[in-house]
N, C-alpha and C. Protein backbone atom coordinates (compact mmCIF):
# COMPACT_ATOMS: atom_id res chain seq x y z
N UNK A 1 123.51 12.15 -9.04
CA UNK A 1 124.47 11.72 -10.02
C UNK A 1 123.75 10.96 -11.10
N UNK A 2 124.01 11.30 -12.33
CA UNK A 2 123.38 10.65 -13.48
C UNK A 2 124.28 9.55 -14.00
N UNK A 3 123.69 8.35 -14.15
CA UNK A 3 124.45 7.20 -14.63
C UNK A 3 123.75 6.70 -15.88
N UNK A 4 124.52 6.37 -16.90
CA UNK A 4 123.99 5.89 -18.17
C UNK A 4 123.52 4.46 -18.09
N UNK A 5 123.07 3.96 -19.20
CA UNK A 5 122.51 2.62 -19.32
C UNK A 5 123.54 1.56 -19.01
N UNK A 6 124.74 1.79 -19.40
CA UNK A 6 125.78 0.77 -19.21
C UNK A 6 126.49 0.92 -17.88
N UNK A 7 126.01 1.75 -16.99
CA UNK A 7 126.60 1.92 -15.67
C UNK A 7 127.70 2.95 -15.60
N UNK A 8 127.96 3.67 -16.66
CA UNK A 8 129.00 4.70 -16.65
C UNK A 8 128.38 6.05 -16.37
N UNK A 9 129.14 6.91 -15.79
CA UNK A 9 128.70 8.29 -15.55
C UNK A 9 128.53 9.00 -16.88
N UNK A 10 127.52 9.90 -16.90
CA UNK A 10 127.27 10.66 -18.12
C UNK A 10 128.30 11.79 -18.25
N UNK A 11 128.56 12.09 -19.47
CA UNK A 11 129.48 13.20 -19.74
C UNK A 11 128.73 14.50 -19.47
N UNK A 12 129.46 15.58 -19.40
CA UNK A 12 128.85 16.88 -19.18
C UNK A 12 127.86 17.24 -20.29
N UNK A 13 128.17 16.90 -21.51
CA UNK A 13 127.28 17.20 -22.65
C UNK A 13 125.99 16.38 -22.50
N UNK A 14 126.13 15.11 -22.10
CA UNK A 14 124.95 14.26 -21.91
C UNK A 14 124.10 14.79 -20.75
N UNK A 15 124.81 15.22 -19.66
CA UNK A 15 124.08 15.76 -18.51
C UNK A 15 123.31 17.03 -18.91
N UNK A 16 123.95 17.87 -19.70
CA UNK A 16 123.30 19.10 -20.15
C UNK A 16 122.09 18.77 -21.02
N UNK A 17 122.22 17.79 -21.85
CA UNK A 17 121.13 17.36 -22.72
C UNK A 17 119.96 16.83 -21.88
N UNK A 18 120.26 16.04 -20.84
CA UNK A 18 119.23 15.50 -19.95
C UNK A 18 118.54 16.64 -19.22
N UNK A 19 119.30 17.65 -18.75
CA UNK A 19 118.71 18.79 -18.05
C UNK A 19 117.77 19.56 -18.99
N UNK A 20 118.22 19.78 -20.24
CA UNK A 20 117.39 20.52 -21.20
C UNK A 20 116.11 19.73 -21.52
N UNK A 21 116.26 18.42 -21.66
CA UNK A 21 115.07 17.59 -21.93
C UNK A 21 114.10 17.64 -20.75
N UNK A 22 114.68 17.53 -19.51
CA UNK A 22 113.85 17.63 -18.32
C UNK A 22 113.17 18.99 -18.24
N UNK A 23 113.91 20.04 -18.50
CA UNK A 23 113.37 21.39 -18.43
C UNK A 23 112.25 21.55 -19.46
N UNK A 24 112.50 21.09 -20.67
CA UNK A 24 111.48 21.18 -21.73
C UNK A 24 110.25 20.35 -21.35
N UNK A 25 110.50 19.15 -20.81
CA UNK A 25 109.39 18.27 -20.42
C UNK A 25 108.52 18.93 -19.35
N UNK A 26 109.17 19.47 -18.31
CA UNK A 26 108.41 20.06 -17.21
C UNK A 26 107.84 21.44 -17.53
N UNK A 27 108.50 22.18 -18.39
CA UNK A 27 108.04 23.55 -18.65
C UNK A 27 107.12 23.63 -19.87
N UNK A 28 107.24 22.70 -20.81
CA UNK A 28 106.43 22.80 -22.02
C UNK A 28 105.53 21.57 -22.24
N UNK A 29 106.14 20.40 -22.28
CA UNK A 29 105.39 19.19 -22.63
C UNK A 29 104.34 18.85 -21.57
N UNK A 30 104.76 18.77 -20.31
CA UNK A 30 103.82 18.42 -19.24
C UNK A 30 102.68 19.43 -19.13
N UNK A 31 102.93 20.76 -19.15
CA UNK A 31 101.80 21.71 -19.11
C UNK A 31 100.88 21.57 -20.33
N UNK A 32 101.47 21.30 -21.50
CA UNK A 32 100.64 21.12 -22.70
C UNK A 32 99.74 19.90 -22.54
N UNK A 33 100.31 18.79 -22.03
CA UNK A 33 99.52 17.57 -21.80
C UNK A 33 98.43 17.85 -20.76
N UNK A 34 98.81 18.55 -19.68
CA UNK A 34 97.83 18.87 -18.64
C UNK A 34 96.73 19.76 -19.19
N UNK A 35 97.08 20.74 -19.99
CA UNK A 35 96.10 21.65 -20.60
C UNK A 35 95.16 20.88 -21.53
N UNK A 36 95.75 19.99 -22.33
CA UNK A 36 94.92 19.19 -23.24
C UNK A 36 94.02 18.24 -22.44
N UNK A 37 94.55 17.70 -21.37
CA UNK A 37 93.74 16.82 -20.52
C UNK A 37 92.56 17.61 -19.93
N UNK A 38 92.84 18.83 -19.46
CA UNK A 38 91.78 19.69 -18.91
C UNK A 38 90.73 19.98 -19.98
N UNK A 39 91.18 20.27 -21.21
CA UNK A 39 90.25 20.52 -22.32
C UNK A 39 89.43 19.26 -22.63
N UNK A 40 90.10 18.08 -22.59
CA UNK A 40 89.39 16.82 -22.84
C UNK A 40 88.33 16.56 -21.76
N UNK A 41 88.69 16.84 -20.50
CA UNK A 41 87.74 16.67 -19.41
C UNK A 41 86.54 17.59 -19.61
N UNK A 42 86.82 18.85 -19.97
CA UNK A 42 85.73 19.82 -20.19
C UNK A 42 84.85 19.35 -21.36
N UNK A 43 85.48 18.85 -22.42
CA UNK A 43 84.73 18.36 -23.57
C UNK A 43 83.88 17.14 -23.18
N UNK A 44 84.46 16.23 -22.40
CA UNK A 44 83.71 15.06 -21.93
C UNK A 44 82.53 15.49 -21.06
N UNK A 45 82.77 16.48 -20.18
CA UNK A 45 81.68 16.97 -19.34
C UNK A 45 80.56 17.57 -20.19
N UNK A 46 80.96 18.31 -21.23
CA UNK A 46 79.96 18.90 -22.13
C UNK A 46 79.17 17.79 -22.83
N UNK A 47 79.87 16.72 -23.26
CA UNK A 47 79.18 15.60 -23.91
C UNK A 47 78.27 14.87 -22.93
N UNK A 48 78.74 14.70 -21.70
CA UNK A 48 77.91 14.06 -20.67
C UNK A 48 76.66 14.90 -20.43
N UNK A 49 76.84 16.21 -20.34
CA UNK A 49 75.68 17.08 -20.14
C UNK A 49 74.73 16.99 -21.33
N UNK A 50 75.30 16.96 -22.54
CA UNK A 50 74.47 16.84 -23.75
C UNK A 50 73.72 15.52 -23.77
N UNK A 51 74.40 14.44 -23.40
CA UNK A 51 73.74 13.14 -23.34
C UNK A 51 72.67 13.14 -22.26
N UNK A 52 72.96 13.77 -21.14
CA UNK A 52 71.96 13.89 -20.08
C UNK A 52 70.73 14.63 -20.56
N UNK A 53 70.95 15.72 -21.30
CA UNK A 53 69.82 16.48 -21.84
C UNK A 53 69.05 15.64 -22.86
N UNK A 54 69.79 14.91 -23.70
CA UNK A 54 69.12 14.03 -24.66
C UNK A 54 68.28 12.99 -23.92
N UNK A 55 68.82 12.47 -22.83
CA UNK A 55 68.10 11.48 -22.04
C UNK A 55 66.81 12.08 -21.47
N UNK A 56 66.92 13.33 -20.94
CA UNK A 56 65.73 14.01 -20.41
C UNK A 56 64.72 14.26 -21.52
N UNK A 57 65.22 14.74 -22.67
CA UNK A 57 64.33 15.01 -23.81
C UNK A 57 63.65 13.72 -24.27
N UNK A 58 64.41 12.64 -24.34
CA UNK A 58 63.86 11.35 -24.74
C UNK A 58 62.79 10.91 -23.76
N UNK A 59 63.05 11.04 -22.47
CA UNK A 59 62.07 10.65 -21.45
C UNK A 59 60.80 11.51 -21.58
N UNK A 60 60.98 12.83 -21.74
CA UNK A 60 59.82 13.72 -21.89
C UNK A 60 59.05 13.41 -23.17
N UNK A 61 59.78 13.20 -24.26
CA UNK A 61 59.13 12.89 -25.53
C UNK A 61 58.43 11.54 -25.47
N UNK A 62 59.01 10.61 -24.74
CA UNK A 62 58.38 9.30 -24.56
C UNK A 62 57.06 9.45 -23.80
N UNK A 63 57.07 10.27 -22.74
CA UNK A 63 55.83 10.52 -21.99
C UNK A 63 54.79 11.22 -22.87
N UNK A 64 55.24 12.19 -23.65
CA UNK A 64 54.33 12.90 -24.54
C UNK A 64 53.74 11.93 -25.57
N UNK A 65 54.61 11.09 -26.15
CA UNK A 65 54.14 10.12 -27.14
C UNK A 65 53.15 9.15 -26.51
N UNK A 66 53.43 8.69 -25.31
CA UNK A 66 52.51 7.77 -24.63
C UNK A 66 51.17 8.46 -24.35
N UNK A 67 51.23 9.71 -23.94
CA UNK A 67 50.01 10.47 -23.67
C UNK A 67 49.20 10.65 -24.95
N UNK A 68 49.90 11.02 -26.04
CA UNK A 68 49.21 11.19 -27.33
C UNK A 68 48.63 9.87 -27.83
N UNK A 69 49.35 8.78 -27.58
CA UNK A 69 48.84 7.46 -27.98
C UNK A 69 47.58 7.13 -27.21
N UNK A 70 47.58 7.44 -25.90
CA UNK A 70 46.38 7.20 -25.10
C UNK A 70 45.21 8.03 -25.62
N UNK A 71 45.48 9.28 -25.97
CA UNK A 71 44.43 10.14 -26.51
C UNK A 71 43.91 9.57 -27.83
N UNK A 72 44.86 9.15 -28.70
CA UNK A 72 44.49 8.55 -29.98
C UNK A 72 43.67 7.29 -29.78
N UNK A 73 44.14 6.41 -28.87
CA UNK A 73 43.43 5.16 -28.61
C UNK A 73 42.02 5.43 -28.11
N UNK A 74 41.88 6.41 -27.21
CA UNK A 74 40.56 6.75 -26.68
C UNK A 74 39.65 7.29 -27.79
N UNK A 75 40.21 8.17 -28.63
CA UNK A 75 39.42 8.73 -29.74
C UNK A 75 39.05 7.65 -30.74
N UNK A 76 40.00 6.77 -31.02
CA UNK A 76 39.74 5.68 -31.96
C UNK A 76 38.66 4.76 -31.41
N UNK A 77 38.75 4.44 -30.13
CA UNK A 77 37.75 3.58 -29.50
C UNK A 77 36.38 4.26 -29.52
N UNK A 78 36.36 5.55 -29.20
CA UNK A 78 35.10 6.30 -29.21
C UNK A 78 34.53 6.34 -30.62
N UNK A 79 35.38 6.50 -31.62
CA UNK A 79 34.94 6.54 -33.00
C UNK A 79 34.36 5.19 -33.41
N UNK A 80 35.04 4.11 -33.01
CA UNK A 80 34.53 2.77 -33.34
C UNK A 80 33.20 2.52 -32.63
N UNK A 81 33.13 2.91 -31.36
CA UNK A 81 31.88 2.74 -30.62
C UNK A 81 30.76 3.53 -31.28
N UNK A 82 31.06 4.76 -31.67
CA UNK A 82 30.06 5.61 -32.32
C UNK A 82 29.60 4.97 -33.63
N UNK A 83 30.55 4.45 -34.41
CA UNK A 83 30.20 3.81 -35.68
C UNK A 83 29.32 2.58 -35.44
N UNK A 84 29.63 1.81 -34.39
CA UNK A 84 28.80 0.64 -34.06
C UNK A 84 27.40 1.08 -33.63
N UNK A 85 27.34 2.13 -32.82
CA UNK A 85 26.04 2.64 -32.37
C UNK A 85 25.24 3.20 -33.55
N UNK A 86 25.93 3.85 -34.49
CA UNK A 86 25.24 4.38 -35.67
C UNK A 86 24.71 3.23 -36.52
N UNK A 87 25.52 2.18 -36.68
CA UNK A 87 25.06 1.02 -37.45
C UNK A 87 23.85 0.37 -36.78
N UNK A 88 23.87 0.28 -35.46
CA UNK A 88 22.72 -0.28 -34.73
C UNK A 88 21.49 0.61 -34.92
N UNK A 89 21.67 1.92 -34.85
CA UNK A 89 20.54 2.85 -35.04
C UNK A 89 20.01 2.76 -36.47
N UNK A 90 20.91 2.60 -37.43
CA UNK A 90 20.48 2.45 -38.83
C UNK A 90 19.69 1.16 -39.01
N UNK A 91 20.17 0.08 -38.39
CA UNK A 91 19.46 -1.20 -38.48
C UNK A 91 18.08 -1.10 -37.83
N UNK A 92 18.01 -0.42 -36.68
CA UNK A 92 16.72 -0.25 -36.01
C UNK A 92 15.76 0.58 -36.87
N UNK A 93 16.29 1.60 -37.52
CA UNK A 93 15.47 2.42 -38.41
C UNK A 93 14.97 1.59 -39.59
N UNK A 94 15.86 0.76 -40.13
CA UNK A 94 15.46 -0.12 -41.24
C UNK A 94 14.40 -1.12 -40.83
N UNK A 95 14.55 -1.67 -39.62
CA UNK A 95 13.54 -2.63 -39.12
C UNK A 95 12.19 -1.93 -38.93
N UNK A 96 12.21 -0.71 -38.39
CA UNK A 96 10.96 0.03 -38.18
C UNK A 96 10.28 0.33 -39.51
N UNK A 97 11.07 0.73 -40.51
CA UNK A 97 10.52 1.00 -41.84
C UNK A 97 9.96 -0.29 -42.45
N UNK A 98 10.70 -1.38 -42.27
CA UNK A 98 10.23 -2.67 -42.78
C UNK A 98 8.94 -3.11 -42.11
N UNK A 99 8.84 -2.88 -40.80
CA UNK A 99 7.61 -3.24 -40.08
C UNK A 99 6.42 -2.42 -40.61
N UNK A 100 6.65 -1.14 -40.86
CA UNK A 100 5.58 -0.28 -41.40
C UNK A 100 5.17 -0.76 -42.79
N UNK A 101 6.16 -1.02 -43.63
CA UNK A 101 5.85 -1.48 -45.00
C UNK A 101 5.12 -2.82 -44.98
N UNK A 102 5.56 -3.72 -44.12
CA UNK A 102 4.89 -5.03 -44.02
C UNK A 102 3.46 -4.86 -43.55
N UNK A 103 3.27 -4.00 -42.56
CA UNK A 103 1.93 -3.73 -42.06
C UNK A 103 1.04 -3.21 -43.18
N UNK A 104 1.54 -2.20 -43.92
CA UNK A 104 0.72 -1.59 -44.97
C UNK A 104 0.45 -2.58 -46.10
N UNK A 105 1.44 -3.38 -46.47
CA UNK A 105 1.23 -4.36 -47.56
C UNK A 105 0.30 -5.49 -47.12
N UNK A 106 0.38 -5.83 -45.85
CA UNK A 106 -0.42 -6.96 -45.36
C UNK A 106 -1.82 -6.59 -44.91
N UNK A 107 -2.12 -5.32 -44.86
CA UNK A 107 -3.43 -4.89 -44.38
C UNK A 107 -4.48 -5.12 -45.47
N UNK A 108 -5.56 -5.81 -45.09
CA UNK A 108 -6.67 -6.05 -46.02
C UNK A 108 -7.92 -5.41 -45.43
N UNK A 109 -8.28 -4.24 -45.94
CA UNK A 109 -9.49 -3.60 -45.42
C UNK A 109 -10.74 -4.39 -45.82
N UNK A 110 -11.78 -4.25 -45.03
CA UNK A 110 -13.03 -4.90 -45.43
C UNK A 110 -13.57 -4.26 -46.71
N UNK A 111 -14.55 -4.83 -47.25
CA UNK A 111 -15.12 -4.34 -48.50
C UNK A 111 -15.53 -2.87 -48.35
N UNK A 112 -15.17 -2.10 -49.36
CA UNK A 112 -15.58 -0.69 -49.34
C UNK A 112 -16.93 -0.50 -50.03
N UNK A 113 -17.47 -1.56 -50.55
CA UNK A 113 -18.75 -1.46 -51.23
C UNK A 113 -19.87 -1.46 -50.19
N UNK A 114 -20.61 -0.40 -50.22
CA UNK A 114 -21.72 -0.26 -49.28
C UNK A 114 -22.85 -1.21 -49.71
N UNK A 115 -23.64 -1.58 -48.72
CA UNK A 115 -24.79 -2.41 -49.08
C UNK A 115 -25.70 -1.67 -50.07
N UNK A 116 -26.41 -2.41 -50.84
CA UNK A 116 -27.25 -1.83 -51.89
C UNK A 116 -28.33 -0.92 -51.31
N UNK A 117 -28.87 -1.33 -50.22
CA UNK A 117 -29.91 -0.51 -49.61
C UNK A 117 -29.22 0.48 -48.69
N UNK A 118 -29.36 1.75 -48.97
CA UNK A 118 -28.71 2.81 -48.19
C UNK A 118 -29.70 3.25 -47.11
N UNK A 119 -29.56 2.65 -45.98
CA UNK A 119 -30.46 3.00 -44.90
C UNK A 119 -30.09 2.20 -43.67
N UNK A 120 -30.79 2.43 -42.57
CA UNK A 120 -30.49 1.74 -41.33
C UNK A 120 -30.99 0.29 -41.36
N UNK A 121 -30.24 -0.53 -42.03
CA UNK A 121 -30.57 -1.95 -42.13
C UNK A 121 -29.53 -2.75 -41.37
N UNK A 122 -29.83 -4.00 -41.05
CA UNK A 122 -28.83 -4.84 -40.40
C UNK A 122 -27.56 -4.98 -41.24
N UNK A 123 -27.69 -5.06 -42.56
CA UNK A 123 -26.51 -5.17 -43.43
C UNK A 123 -25.66 -3.89 -43.33
N UNK A 124 -26.34 -2.73 -43.31
CA UNK A 124 -25.61 -1.45 -43.19
C UNK A 124 -24.95 -1.36 -41.82
N UNK A 125 -25.67 -1.79 -40.76
CA UNK A 125 -25.08 -1.77 -39.42
C UNK A 125 -23.82 -2.64 -39.38
N UNK A 126 -23.91 -3.82 -39.96
CA UNK A 126 -22.75 -4.73 -39.98
C UNK A 126 -21.60 -4.12 -40.77
N UNK A 127 -21.92 -3.51 -41.92
CA UNK A 127 -20.86 -2.89 -42.74
C UNK A 127 -20.18 -1.75 -41.97
N UNK A 128 -20.97 -0.90 -41.30
CA UNK A 128 -20.42 0.23 -40.54
C UNK A 128 -19.58 -0.29 -39.37
N UNK A 129 -20.09 -1.26 -38.64
CA UNK A 129 -19.34 -1.79 -37.49
C UNK A 129 -18.04 -2.46 -37.93
N UNK A 130 -18.09 -3.21 -39.02
CA UNK A 130 -16.89 -3.90 -39.54
C UNK A 130 -15.84 -2.87 -39.96
N UNK A 131 -16.30 -1.87 -40.72
CA UNK A 131 -15.35 -0.84 -41.17
C UNK A 131 -14.83 -0.01 -40.00
N UNK A 132 -15.68 0.31 -39.05
CA UNK A 132 -15.26 1.09 -37.89
C UNK A 132 -14.23 0.32 -37.06
N UNK A 133 -14.48 -0.96 -36.81
CA UNK A 133 -13.54 -1.79 -36.05
C UNK A 133 -12.20 -1.88 -36.79
N UNK A 134 -12.29 -2.10 -38.11
CA UNK A 134 -11.05 -2.18 -38.89
C UNK A 134 -10.26 -0.87 -38.79
N UNK A 135 -10.94 0.23 -39.02
CA UNK A 135 -10.24 1.52 -39.06
C UNK A 135 -9.73 1.95 -37.68
N UNK A 136 -10.43 1.57 -36.61
CA UNK A 136 -9.91 1.85 -35.26
C UNK A 136 -8.61 1.09 -35.04
N UNK A 137 -8.63 -0.20 -35.37
CA UNK A 137 -7.43 -1.03 -35.20
C UNK A 137 -6.31 -0.57 -36.13
N UNK A 138 -6.69 -0.27 -37.39
CA UNK A 138 -5.70 0.21 -38.36
C UNK A 138 -5.07 1.51 -37.87
N UNK A 139 -5.89 2.43 -37.40
CA UNK A 139 -5.43 3.73 -36.92
C UNK A 139 -4.44 3.55 -35.76
N UNK A 140 -4.77 2.71 -34.78
CA UNK A 140 -3.91 2.47 -33.63
C UNK A 140 -2.57 1.87 -34.08
N UNK A 141 -2.63 0.85 -34.92
CA UNK A 141 -1.40 0.18 -35.38
C UNK A 141 -0.56 1.11 -36.26
N UNK A 142 -1.21 1.79 -37.17
CA UNK A 142 -0.49 2.67 -38.10
C UNK A 142 0.27 3.76 -37.34
N UNK A 143 -0.40 4.45 -36.44
CA UNK A 143 0.27 5.55 -35.75
C UNK A 143 1.32 5.06 -34.75
N UNK A 144 1.11 3.88 -34.21
CA UNK A 144 2.14 3.30 -33.34
C UNK A 144 3.39 2.96 -34.15
N UNK A 145 3.19 2.31 -35.30
CA UNK A 145 4.33 1.97 -36.16
C UNK A 145 5.01 3.23 -36.71
N UNK A 146 4.18 4.22 -37.05
CA UNK A 146 4.73 5.47 -37.57
C UNK A 146 5.58 6.17 -36.51
N UNK A 147 5.12 6.18 -35.26
CA UNK A 147 5.88 6.81 -34.17
C UNK A 147 7.20 6.06 -33.94
N UNK A 148 7.14 4.74 -33.97
CA UNK A 148 8.36 3.94 -33.81
C UNK A 148 9.33 4.21 -34.95
N UNK A 149 8.81 4.23 -36.17
CA UNK A 149 9.65 4.47 -37.34
C UNK A 149 10.27 5.87 -37.30
N UNK A 150 9.48 6.87 -36.96
CA UNK A 150 9.97 8.26 -36.90
C UNK A 150 11.03 8.40 -35.82
N UNK A 151 10.80 7.80 -34.66
CA UNK A 151 11.78 7.87 -33.57
C UNK A 151 13.07 7.16 -33.95
N UNK A 152 12.95 6.01 -34.61
CA UNK A 152 14.15 5.27 -35.02
C UNK A 152 14.94 6.05 -36.07
N UNK A 153 14.24 6.66 -37.02
CA UNK A 153 14.92 7.47 -38.04
C UNK A 153 15.60 8.68 -37.40
N UNK A 154 14.92 9.32 -36.47
CA UNK A 154 15.50 10.49 -35.79
C UNK A 154 16.72 10.08 -34.97
N UNK A 155 16.64 8.94 -34.29
CA UNK A 155 17.78 8.45 -33.50
C UNK A 155 18.96 8.15 -34.41
N UNK A 156 18.69 7.59 -35.59
CA UNK A 156 19.78 7.30 -36.54
C UNK A 156 20.42 8.58 -37.06
N UNK A 157 19.60 9.55 -37.42
CA UNK A 157 20.12 10.84 -37.91
C UNK A 157 20.95 11.51 -36.82
N UNK A 158 20.45 11.50 -35.60
CA UNK A 158 21.17 12.14 -34.49
C UNK A 158 22.51 11.45 -34.25
N UNK A 159 22.52 10.13 -34.26
CA UNK A 159 23.77 9.38 -34.03
C UNK A 159 24.74 9.62 -35.19
N UNK A 160 24.25 9.66 -36.42
CA UNK A 160 25.11 9.92 -37.57
C UNK A 160 25.75 11.31 -37.45
N UNK A 161 24.97 12.30 -37.05
CA UNK A 161 25.50 13.66 -36.87
C UNK A 161 26.53 13.68 -35.74
N UNK A 162 26.24 13.00 -34.65
CA UNK A 162 27.18 12.94 -33.52
C UNK A 162 28.50 12.33 -33.96
N UNK A 163 28.44 11.24 -34.69
CA UNK A 163 29.68 10.58 -35.15
C UNK A 163 30.43 11.46 -36.14
N UNK A 164 29.69 12.12 -37.03
CA UNK A 164 30.34 13.03 -37.99
C UNK A 164 31.03 14.18 -37.27
N UNK A 165 30.35 14.74 -36.25
CA UNK A 165 30.93 15.86 -35.49
C UNK A 165 32.15 15.42 -34.71
N UNK A 166 32.17 14.19 -34.22
CA UNK A 166 33.34 13.70 -33.48
C UNK A 166 34.56 13.57 -34.38
N UNK A 167 34.32 13.27 -35.66
CA UNK A 167 35.43 13.10 -36.60
C UNK A 167 36.06 14.44 -36.96
N UNK A 168 35.27 15.50 -36.90
CA UNK A 168 35.82 16.80 -37.32
C UNK A 168 36.39 17.57 -36.18
């Protein structure tokens, strides 16, 4: 039995109206709401899946970025180390060249003027022995310094090439 707001029974017209509203609600409105709710759930699931994929992509991209950063940091460190080693090799080459130049500038050979008497005299013996001793010592020092200088220059060139090749 249908009773109105004020406690009176509904008229037949009111009852018919309530039945039609109920019928429309259950046959049209409620299924439409349920259908829209189902569509909303499907849309939310699609968004959740999309967000999940974004999360996976972000995690993968983060790992890739971290890996690339590590590679960059290692290459940068290697490049800096190479540059420092090249600078050290250049300095060593410069020191070797300086040592050779100082040696050559500071070397004072004995007199090149032979004694007046050209023959086996004590003065000639002394001149020959003095020059021979000087040239033996000069020869040993010169070739030792030259070998050091050549090795230092070669080491610098090799390190410079290595660093240049690493950059390319």
